[in-house]
Amino acid sequence: MGIPTFTIVLDSPTGSYYAGTNVTGRVLLTLDKQKKFRGLKIRFEGKAHVAWSERESVRKNDGDTTQETVDYSADEEYFSNKYYLAGSASNDIEIPAGEHVYPFTTTLPPQLPTSFEGEHGYVRYTIIATLDRPWKMDVEAKAIFQVVTPLDLNYHALAKEPVKKEETKTFCCFCCKSGPLTLVACVPHTGYVPGQEIPVTVEVDNASNTTVDSIELKIMKYFQWTVRTPKQNTKKDKVELSKMSLEGVEQNGSKSLTQNIGIPQMPFVNLDACSIINVSFILKVTACVSGMFNKNLVAEIPLVLGTVPIYNAQQAGTIVPPPTSTTPTPGDTNVLQPGGMAGGYGQPGFAAQPPVVGFNPGGAIPMADGTFTGPSPQNGSGYIVPSPTQPGGFGGPAPQPMYPQPVYPDLSLDKLSAGGPGFNVVGGLSPTAPPQDSESAPLMTKPQ
């Protein structure tokens, strides 16, 4: 075969990284005999892609119309970096037989959309290592790594503001116009994390001649996909995450109540840096009225979902128990779930001091199967609620775990033990990668 092993190994045990941190790992290469190459190069890229097809009527030159399939698509690139781990584009090199390890690193931009997989598109981050062979087909190894861009709700001004939404309508019956039906929905703030409950205060003043059969609370998740080729077009989808039904209000009656509705545990999505995929969340309060021709009265409050809860959230919303399954929400197979939202340094599952960016094999790191290499987190949900530093007070922002934890097993290639028996480490891991699009690197091979 000639090349028994050519694979990429990431240092992150979950195959996931936070935006703004270093992606580090190794390319493992095994040769059964000495071979000539132009070089070994590595490429990092992050991009989004949206596509779907539609049947449309198209008018021909003779005036007739026909049905044709139109393919819509859009692409967006967020970062790209490439350089040579060995050799260059201008000179051939000889790599001896044996097993070799080539360390690599690149720095992610601080603002990136999270990794995401959906029905009509995705956001993906990949690493491609290429053995450039003269006069032969190149050999490639590929790995997918996952990116999380955390959102601390304490630094999101709108997420901390209370919201009151009021809607009013009247009903007509022949020539008679009824009194108004008024629906008021209030929340203490709009920012929450998956697993929290939202305390919703609902007031209904029914001065109309129509009965309110029930009051419905729903948390909805909306998707919007945008394409630009061959022309701009959008497609929208929605998923119901939570629903509950409350008692209605008779004619000329009124009611005021407060009810908690839970946000299910689900992967965190932050696509602020993506312009072709949008995911939003809405709290929908509906006064369901009787009568075939009467329309329901609806009040909608936009929600902001983050990874770090608002510090007074223990009074306004509580963490609900995690589900027994980690299956992604229908309509969204986003591959990421934050390993934690908040917690103080020195709390279980975290170091006594802020962690140093990079691989820390001795620290408490969340693994893909939900276990930790160190002490367990504070609760089984995987989310850490801030601990008060004094009665009624909370400390400053706490660290995220060193590596995010994916919802399901890492998508990267099988992990091999770097530096194991028989492997030659080629060169050292420098603090930063060579400049973007660098086309050369020194040959750093230690022969067997």
Protein backbone atom coordinates (compact mmCIF):
# COMPACT_ATOMS: atom_id res chain seq x y z
CA MET A 1 0.00 0.00 0.00
CA GLY A 2 2.87 2.38 0.74
CA ILE A 3 1.03 4.64 3.23
CA PRO A 4 -0.54 2.45 5.95
CA THR A 5 -1.43 5.40 8.19
CA PHE A 6 -2.32 8.98 7.27
CA THR A 7 -4.73 10.57 9.72
CA ILE A 8 -5.45 13.69 11.78
CA VAL A 9 -5.68 13.61 15.59
CA LEU A 10 -7.08 16.57 17.56
CA ASP A 11 -5.85 17.44 21.05
CA SER A 12 -9.39 18.22 22.23
CA PRO A 13 -10.90 15.00 23.64
CA THR A 14 -14.32 16.11 22.37
CA GLY A 15 -13.18 17.37 18.97
CA SER A 16 -14.66 20.77 19.92
CA TYR A 17 -13.17 24.22 20.49
CA TYR A 18 -14.32 27.66 21.58
CA ALA A 19 -14.09 30.52 19.08
CA GLY A 20 -10.93 32.55 19.65
CA THR A 21 -8.88 29.61 20.96
CA ASN A 22 -6.16 27.51 19.34
CA VAL A 23 -6.99 24.34 17.43
CA THR A 24 -4.11 21.96 18.00
CA GLY A 25 -3.37 18.41 16.99
CA ARG A 26 -1.10 16.12 15.02
CA VAL A 27 -0.93 14.53 11.59
CA LEU A 28 0.15 10.90 11.88
CA LEU A 29 1.95 9.43 8.89
CA THR A 30 3.28 5.89 8.48
CA LEU A 31 5.34 4.84 5.44
CA ASP A 32 6.45 1.29 4.66
CA LYS A 33 9.43 2.64 2.69
CA GLN A 34 11.12 5.92 1.93
CA LYS A 35 9.05 8.08 -0.42
CA LYS A 36 9.40 11.35 -2.31
CA PHE A 37 6.86 14.15 -1.86
CA ARG A 38 6.64 17.81 -2.71
CA GLY A 39 5.44 18.36 0.82
CA LEU A 40 2.84 17.83 3.50
CA LYS A 41 0.43 20.75 3.73
CA ILE A 42 -2.53 21.40 5.99
CA ARG A 43 -5.60 23.54 5.42
CA PHE A 44 -8.18 24.82 7.93
CA GLU A 45 -11.51 26.23 6.84
CA GLY A 46 -14.89 27.20 8.22
CA LYS A 47 -17.88 27.78 6.00
CA ALA A 48 -21.66 27.68 5.73
CA HIS A 49 -23.66 26.17 2.89
CA VAL A 50 -27.39 26.36 2.14
CA ALA A 51 -29.12 24.60 -0.75
CA TRP A 52 -32.49 23.29 -1.90
CA SER A 53 -34.37 22.64 -5.16
CA GLU A 54 -37.78 23.82 -6.32
CA ARG A 55 -40.02 23.06 -9.28
CA GLU A 56 -40.86 26.29 -11.09
CA SER A 57 -42.68 27.36 -14.23
CA VAL A 58 -40.25 28.69 -16.85
CA ARG A 59 -41.38 30.50 -20.02
CA LYS A 60 -39.55 29.43 -23.18
CA ASN A 61 -38.69 31.59 -26.20
CA ASP A 62 -41.73 30.30 -28.11
CA GLY A 63 -44.05 31.49 -25.34
CA ASP A 64 -44.80 28.06 -23.89
CA THR A 65 -44.20 27.34 -20.20
CA THR A 66 -42.63 24.24 -18.72
CA GLN A 67 -41.83 22.93 -15.26
CA GLU A 68 -38.12 22.85 -14.45
CA THR A 69 -36.07 22.10 -11.36
CA VAL A 70 -34.23 25.15 -10.08
CA ASP A 71 -31.28 24.58 -7.72
CA TYR A 72 -30.81 27.34 -5.14
CA SER A 73 -27.64 27.73 -3.09
CA ALA A 74 -25.46 30.08 -1.04
CA ASP A 75 -22.03 29.77 0.53
CA GLU A 76 -20.22 31.80 3.15
CA GLU A 77 -16.62 31.48 4.36
CA TYR A 78 -15.57 32.52 7.88
CA PHE A 79 -11.88 31.70 7.97
CA SER A 80 -9.22 29.86 6.01
CA ASN A 81 -5.58 29.11 6.74
CA LYS A 82 -3.05 26.82 5.10
CA TYR A 83 0.65 26.12 5.36
CA TYR A 84 3.23 23.38 4.86
CA LEU A 85 4.08 21.07 7.75
CA ALA A 86 6.98 19.68 5.72
CA GLY A 87 8.58 20.69 2.44
CA SER A 88 7.29 23.38 0.09
CA ALA A 89 5.65 23.88 -3.28
CA SER A 90 9.00 24.35 -5.02
CA ASN A 91 11.20 21.46 -3.83
CA ASP A 92 10.73 17.72 -3.42
CA ILE A 93 11.55 16.04 -0.12
CA GLU A 94 12.35 12.50 0.97
CA ILE A 95 10.47 11.10 3.98
CA PRO A 96 11.99 7.88 5.36
CA ALA A 97 10.08 4.75 6.24
CA GLY A 98 8.50 4.60 9.65
CA GLU A 99 5.95 6.45 11.72
CA HIS A 100 6.02 10.25 11.93
CA VAL A 101 4.09 12.87 13.90
CA TYR A 102 3.62 16.42 12.58
CA PRO A 103 2.14 18.82 15.16
CA PHE A 104 -0.10 21.65 13.91
CA THR A 105 -1.90 24.66 15.32
CA THR A 106 -4.13 27.49 14.11
CA THR A 107 -5.99 30.25 15.93
CA LEU A 108 -9.74 30.60 15.47
CA PRO A 109 -11.24 34.08 15.01
CA PRO A 110 -13.13 35.29 18.11
CA GLN A 111 -16.48 35.66 16.33
CA LEU A 112 -17.61 32.50 14.57
CA PRO A 113 -21.00 30.84 14.16
CA THR A 114 -21.37 27.58 16.05
CA SER A 115 -21.16 24.32 14.18
CA PHE A 116 -24.62 23.50 12.89
CA GLU A 117 -26.38 20.82 10.82
CA GLY A 118 -29.90 21.43 9.54
CA GLU A 119 -32.36 20.30 6.89
CA HIS A 120 -31.28 22.79 4.23
CA GLY A 121 -27.77 23.76 5.28
CA TYR A 122 -24.86 23.58 7.68
CA VAL A 123 -21.94 25.38 9.29
CA ARG A 124 -18.85 23.15 9.29
CA TYR A 125 -15.22 23.41 10.28
CA THR A 126 -12.71 21.07 8.68
CA ILE A 127 -9.01 20.25 8.61
CA ILE A 128 -7.52 18.73 5.46
CA ALA A 129 -3.98 17.35 5.36
CA THR A 130 -2.58 16.71 1.89
CA LEU A 131 0.46 14.72 0.79
CA ASP A 132 1.51 16.44 -2.44
CA ARG A 133 3.00 13.70 -4.63
CA PRO A 134 4.78 14.57 -7.90
CA TRP A 135 3.19 12.95 -10.95
CA LYS A 136 0.69 11.07 -8.78
CA MET A 137 -2.68 11.65 -7.20
CA ASP A 138 -2.42 13.54 -3.93
CA VAL A 139 -3.42 11.75 -0.72
CA GLU A 140 -5.76 13.50 1.72
CA ALA A 141 -6.84 13.04 5.32
CA LYS A 142 -9.79 15.00 6.69
CA ALA A 143 -11.15 15.74 10.17
CA ILE A 144 -14.17 17.73 11.30
CA PHE A 145 -13.86 19.84 14.42
CA GLN A 146 -16.71 21.65 16.11
CA VAL A 147 -16.87 25.26 17.24
CA VAL A 148 -18.87 26.89 20.02
CA THR A 149 -19.20 30.67 20.45
CA PRO A 150 -20.52 31.09 24.01
CA LEU A 151 -23.05 33.79 24.87
CA ASP A 152 -22.96 35.25 28.38
CA LEU A 153 -26.44 36.70 28.93
CA ASN A 154 -25.11 39.02 31.64
CA TYR A 155 -23.42 41.05 28.90
CA HIS A 156 -26.47 41.10 26.61
CA ALA A 157 -28.45 44.26 27.41
CA LEU A 158 -31.73 43.20 25.80
CA ALA A 159 -31.63 39.75 27.39
CA LYS A 160 -31.76 41.28 30.89
CA GLU A 161 -34.71 43.62 30.26
CA PRO A 162 -38.26 42.74 31.45
CA VAL A 163 -40.84 42.61 28.67
CA LYS A 164 -44.55 43.28 28.71
CA LYS A 165 -46.53 42.56 25.55
CA GLU A 166 -50.17 43.65 25.24
CA GLU A 167 -52.59 42.78 22.44
CA THR A 168 -56.25 43.77 22.01
CA LYS A 169 -58.98 42.89 19.55
CA THR A 170 -62.76 43.09 19.17
CA PHE A 171 -65.22 40.65 17.60
CA CYS A 172 -68.12 41.55 15.33
CA CYS A 173 -71.41 39.66 15.09
CA PHE A 174 -73.50 40.98 12.20
CA CYS A 175 -73.97 44.67 13.04
CA CYS A 176 -72.93 44.39 16.68
CA LYS A 177 -69.39 45.09 17.83
CA SER A 178 -68.28 43.47 21.08
CA GLY A 179 -66.14 44.92 23.80
CA PRO A 180 -62.38 44.32 23.64
CA LEU A 181 -60.48 41.16 24.50
CA THR A 182 -57.14 42.14 26.03
CA LEU A 183 -54.19 39.78 26.46
CA VAL A 184 -51.07 40.81 28.42
CA ALA A 185 -47.94 38.63 28.68
CA CYS A 186 -44.96 39.51 30.92
CA VAL A 187 -41.56 37.92 31.57
CA PRO A 188 -38.87 39.17 34.01
CA HIS A 189 -36.24 39.01 31.26
CA THR A 190 -35.87 37.44 27.82
CA GLY A 191 -32.50 35.73 28.26
CA TYR A 192 -32.41 32.06 29.33
CA VAL A 193 -30.35 28.94 28.87
CA PRO A 194 -31.57 25.51 27.73
CA GLY A 195 -32.94 23.69 30.76
CA GLN A 196 -34.34 26.78 32.49
CA GLU A 197 -38.01 27.52 33.14
CA ILE A 198 -39.56 30.84 32.12
CA PRO A 199 -42.02 32.38 34.61
CA VAL A 200 -44.77 33.86 32.43
CA THR A 201 -47.41 36.18 33.88
CA VAL A 202 -50.59 36.25 31.80
CA GLU A 203 -53.50 38.64 32.21
CA VAL A 204 -56.73 38.25 30.23
CA ASP A 205 -59.53 40.83 30.37
CA ASN A 206 -62.43 39.49 28.33
CA ALA A 207 -64.97 42.28 27.87
CA SER A 208 -66.12 40.69 24.61
CA ASN A 209 -69.10 38.49 23.81
CA THR A 210 -66.78 35.59 22.91
CA THR A 211 -65.51 32.90 25.27
CA VAL A 212 -61.78 32.27 25.63
CA ASP A 213 -61.69 28.47 25.63
CA SER A 214 -58.06 28.18 26.77
CA ILE A 215 -54.76 29.98 27.06
CA GLU A 216 -51.78 28.33 25.37
CA LEU A 217 -48.10 28.87 26.12
CA LYS A 218 -45.57 27.72 23.52
CA ILE A 219 -41.85 28.04 22.96
CA MET A 220 -41.19 28.02 19.22
CA LYS A 221 -37.94 27.63 17.30
CA TYR A 222 -37.81 29.28 13.86
CA PHE A 223 -35.34 28.64 11.04
CA GLN A 224 -34.72 30.94 8.09
CA TRP A 225 -32.52 29.84 5.21
CA THR A 226 -31.29 32.35 2.61
CA VAL A 227 -29.88 31.57 -0.84
CA ARG A 228 -28.35 33.96 -3.39
CA THR A 229 -27.91 31.86 -6.55
CA PRO A 230 -29.48 32.00 -9.15
CA LYS A 231 -31.47 34.68 -7.26
CA GLN A 232 -32.14 35.56 -3.65
CA ASN A 233 -34.77 33.41 -2.00
CA THR A 234 -35.70 32.33 1.52
CA LYS A 235 -37.24 29.30 3.12
CA LYS A 236 -38.68 29.17 6.64
CA ASP A 237 -39.32 26.27 9.04
CA LYS A 238 -40.49 26.05 12.63
CA VAL A 239 -40.40 23.55 15.48
CA GLU A 240 -42.53 23.52 18.64
CA LEU A 241 -40.24 22.98 21.64
CA SER A 242 -42.66 23.26 24.59
CA LYS A 243 -46.41 23.64 25.02
CA MET A 244 -48.92 23.88 27.85
CA SER A 245 -52.62 24.71 28.02
CA LEU A 246 -54.31 26.73 30.78
CA GLU A 247 -57.94 27.37 31.65
CA GLY A 248 -59.89 29.89 29.59
CA VAL A 249 -61.92 32.98 30.52
CA GLU A 250 -65.69 33.38 30.19
CA GLN A 251 -67.38 36.36 28.54
CA ASN A 252 -67.03 39.56 30.60
CA GLY A 253 -64.54 37.80 32.85
CA SER A 254 -60.87 38.31 33.67
CA LYS A 255 -57.98 36.23 34.92
CA SER A 256 -54.39 36.77 36.04
CA LEU A 257 -51.91 33.94 36.56
CA THR A 258 -48.21 33.06 36.55
CA GLN A 259 -47.06 29.82 35.01
CA ASN A 260 -43.59 28.36 34.39
CA ILE A 261 -42.83 26.83 31.00
CA GLY A 262 -39.59 24.90 30.55
CA ILE A 263 -37.04 25.26 27.79
CA PRO A 264 -35.92 21.75 26.87
CA GLN A 265 -32.28 20.71 27.03
CA MET A 266 -30.90 21.14 23.51
CA PRO A 267 -27.73 22.10 21.66
CA PHE A 268 -26.75 25.76 21.93
CA VAL A 269 -26.97 27.72 18.67
CA ASN A 270 -25.17 31.02 18.06
CA LEU A 271 -25.38 31.97 14.38
CA ASP A 272 -25.03 35.75 14.77
CA ALA A 273 -21.99 35.68 12.47
CA CYS A 274 -23.87 33.75 9.75
CA SER A 275 -25.99 35.67 7.24
CA ILE A 276 -27.51 32.73 5.37
CA ILE A 277 -28.87 30.67 8.31
CA ASN A 278 -30.87 32.22 11.13
CA VAL A 279 -32.30 30.48 14.21
CA SER A 280 -34.61 32.38 16.57
CA PHE A 281 -36.82 31.56 19.57
CA ILE A 282 -40.24 32.97 20.42
CA LEU A 283 -42.47 32.68 23.49
CA LYS A 284 -45.99 32.55 22.06
CA VAL A 285 -49.01 33.23 24.29
CA THR A 286 -52.40 32.58 22.65
CA ALA A 287 -55.94 33.28 23.82
CA CYS A 288 -57.88 30.56 21.97
CA VAL A 289 -61.41 31.85 21.34
CA SER A 290 -64.62 30.03 20.40
CA GLY A 291 -66.41 30.57 17.12
CA MET A 292 -65.55 29.21 13.69
CA PHE A 293 -64.78 32.62 12.18
CA ASN A 294 -63.06 34.22 15.16
CA LYS A 295 -59.29 34.49 15.12
CA ASN A 296 -57.22 33.81 18.21
CA LEU A 297 -55.41 36.63 19.98
CA VAL A 298 -51.64 36.13 20.07
CA ALA A 299 -48.83 37.87 21.96
CA GLU A 300 -45.23 36.99 21.00
CA ILE A 301 -42.05 37.70 22.97
CA PRO A 302 -38.63 37.07 21.34
CA LEU A 303 -36.23 35.06 23.50
CA VAL A 304 -32.43 35.10 23.68
CA LEU A 305 -30.81 31.74 24.44
CA GLY A 306 -27.27 31.69 25.77
CA THR A 307 -24.76 29.53 27.63
CA VAL A 308 -24.31 31.61 30.81
CA PRO A 309 -27.53 32.43 32.72
CA ILE A 310 -28.43 35.81 34.12
CA TYR A 311 -27.08 35.90 37.68
CA ASN A 312 -30.47 36.44 39.32
CA ALA A 313 -31.98 33.67 37.25
CA GLN A 314 -32.38 31.46 40.32
CA GLN A 315 -35.20 33.77 41.40
CA ALA A 316 -36.69 34.16 37.93
CA GLY A 317 -36.18 30.73 36.39
CA THR A 318 -34.91 27.37 37.55
CA ILE A 319 -32.96 24.59 35.95
CA VAL A 320 -35.16 21.66 34.96
CA PRO A 321 -33.85 18.05 35.05
CA PRO A 322 -32.07 16.90 31.90
CA PRO A 323 -33.85 14.55 29.48
CA THR A 324 -32.98 10.87 29.36
CA SER A 325 -31.97 11.21 25.71
CA THR A 326 -29.53 13.60 24.06
CA THR A 327 -31.19 13.29 20.66
CA PRO A 328 -31.05 16.69 18.91
CA THR A 329 -34.27 18.65 18.47
CA PRO A 330 -36.24 17.67 15.31
CA GLY A 331 -35.33 19.94 12.44
CA ASP A 332 -31.95 20.75 13.95
CA THR A 333 -29.10 18.28 14.34
CA ASN A 334 -26.67 20.85 15.62
CA VAL A 335 -23.62 18.93 16.75
CA LEU A 336 -22.78 20.94 19.85
CA GLN A 337 -23.83 21.25 23.43
CA PRO A 338 -22.00 23.54 25.83
CA GLY A 339 -20.05 21.71 28.47
CA GLY A 340 -21.11 24.26 31.08
CA MET A 341 -22.67 27.66 31.49
CA ALA A 342 -21.06 29.13 34.52
CA GLY A 343 -19.36 28.23 37.75
CA GLY A 344 -16.71 29.70 40.02
CA TYR A 345 -13.06 28.92 39.80
CA GLY A 346 -12.41 26.21 42.34
CA GLN A 347 -15.95 24.79 41.95
CA PRO A 348 -16.24 21.04 41.22
CA GLY A 349 -15.28 20.31 37.65
CA PHE A 350 -13.20 23.49 37.29
CA ALA A 351 -9.62 24.44 38.10
CA ALA A 352 -8.74 26.69 41.03
CA GLN A 353 -7.38 29.25 38.54
CA PRO A 354 -8.47 30.23 35.01
CA PRO A 355 -7.40 27.46 32.61
CA VAL A 356 -4.59 28.00 30.17
CA VAL A 357 -5.76 27.67 26.58
CA GLY A 358 -4.57 24.36 25.18
CA PHE A 359 -4.69 20.70 26.00
CA ASN A 360 -4.57 19.97 29.73
CA PRO A 361 -4.52 16.20 30.23
CA GLY A 362 -4.41 16.59 34.02
CA GLY A 363 -7.43 18.86 34.32
CA ALA A 364 -11.18 18.21 34.57
CA ILE A 365 -12.30 18.04 30.96
CA PRO A 366 -15.77 16.98 29.73
CA MET A 367 -15.67 13.87 27.58
CA ALA A 368 -17.92 12.93 24.66
CA ASP A 369 -19.73 10.27 26.69
CA GLY A 370 -20.78 12.77 29.37
CA THR A 371 -18.10 11.81 31.90
CA PHE A 372 -15.30 14.04 33.19
CA THR A 373 -11.60 13.33 33.53
CA GLY A 374 -11.74 15.02 36.96
CA PRO A 375 -14.45 15.74 39.58
CA SER A 376 -18.04 15.67 38.39
CA PRO A 377 -19.89 18.93 37.67
CA GLN A 378 -22.40 20.31 40.17
CA ASN A 379 -25.45 18.80 38.53
CA GLY A 380 -26.24 16.11 36.01
CA SER A 381 -27.56 18.51 33.40
CA GLY A 382 -24.08 19.52 32.30
CA TYR A 383 -24.87 23.12 33.22
CA ILE A 384 -23.31 24.84 36.22
CA VAL A 385 -25.32 27.49 38.04
CA PRO A 386 -23.27 30.33 39.60
CA SER A 387 -22.57 29.93 43.29
CA PRO A 388 -23.18 33.01 45.48
CA THR A 389 -20.11 34.61 46.99
CA GLN A 390 -22.27 36.16 49.68
CA PRO A 391 -25.99 36.11 50.57
CA GLY A 392 -27.89 37.55 47.64
CA GLY A 393 -24.73 38.20 45.64
CA PHE A 394 -22.94 36.48 42.79
CA GLY A 395 -19.34 36.55 41.72
CA GLY A 396 -17.98 37.71 38.38
CA PRO A 397 -18.16 35.80 35.10
CA ALA A 398 -16.87 32.28 35.47
CA PRO A 399 -14.87 30.26 32.97
CA GLN A 400 -16.23 27.95 30.34
CA PRO A 401 -14.84 24.41 30.49
CA MET A 402 -11.69 24.11 28.41
CA TYR A 403 -13.37 22.17 25.62
CA PRO A 404 -17.07 22.17 24.69
CA GLN A 405 -18.93 18.88 24.84
CA PRO A 406 -20.73 17.67 21.69
CA VAL A 407 -24.26 16.25 21.84
CA TYR A 408 -23.15 13.00 20.29
CA PRO A 409 -19.76 11.38 19.67
CA ASP A 410 -16.96 13.34 18.07
CA LEU A 411 -17.02 13.35 14.25
CA SER A 412 -13.24 13.47 13.90
CA LEU A 413 -11.24 10.48 12.76
CA ASP A 414 -10.24 7.70 15.17
CA LYS A 415 -7.87 8.91 17.83
CA LEU A 416 -4.39 7.40 17.84
CA SER A 417 -1.94 7.78 20.69
CA ALA A 418 0.45 10.55 19.63
CA GLY A 419 4.00 9.98 20.65
CA GLY A 420 3.33 6.29 21.18
CA PRO A 421 5.83 3.53 20.51
CA GLY A 422 7.43 3.84 17.10
CA PHE A 423 6.29 7.41 16.37
CA ASN A 424 8.81 10.15 15.59
CA VAL A 425 7.65 13.63 16.60
CA VAL A 426 8.55 15.92 13.72
CA GLY A 427 9.51 19.36 14.99
CA GLY A 428 7.84 21.11 17.93
CA LEU A 429 4.48 22.78 18.36
CA SER A 430 5.04 26.50 17.90
CA PRO A 431 2.81 29.02 19.72
CA THR A 432 1.21 30.17 16.47
CA ALA A 433 0.82 28.75 13.00
CA PRO A 434 2.78 30.16 10.05
CA PRO A 435 1.14 33.18 8.38
CA GLN A 436 -2.05 32.56 6.45
CA ASP A 437 -1.43 31.02 3.02
CA SER A 438 2.20 30.39 3.85
CA GLU A 439 3.50 28.10 1.13
CA SER A 440 6.61 26.70 2.77
CA ALA A 441 7.83 25.11 5.96
CA PRO A 442 11.14 23.49 6.89
CA LEU A 443 11.52 19.77 6.63
CA MET A 444 11.71 18.44 10.18
CA THR A 445 11.89 14.65 9.88
CA LYS A 446 13.81 12.44 12.20
CA PRO A 447 14.80 9.23 10.42
CA GLN A 448 14.24 5.86 12.03
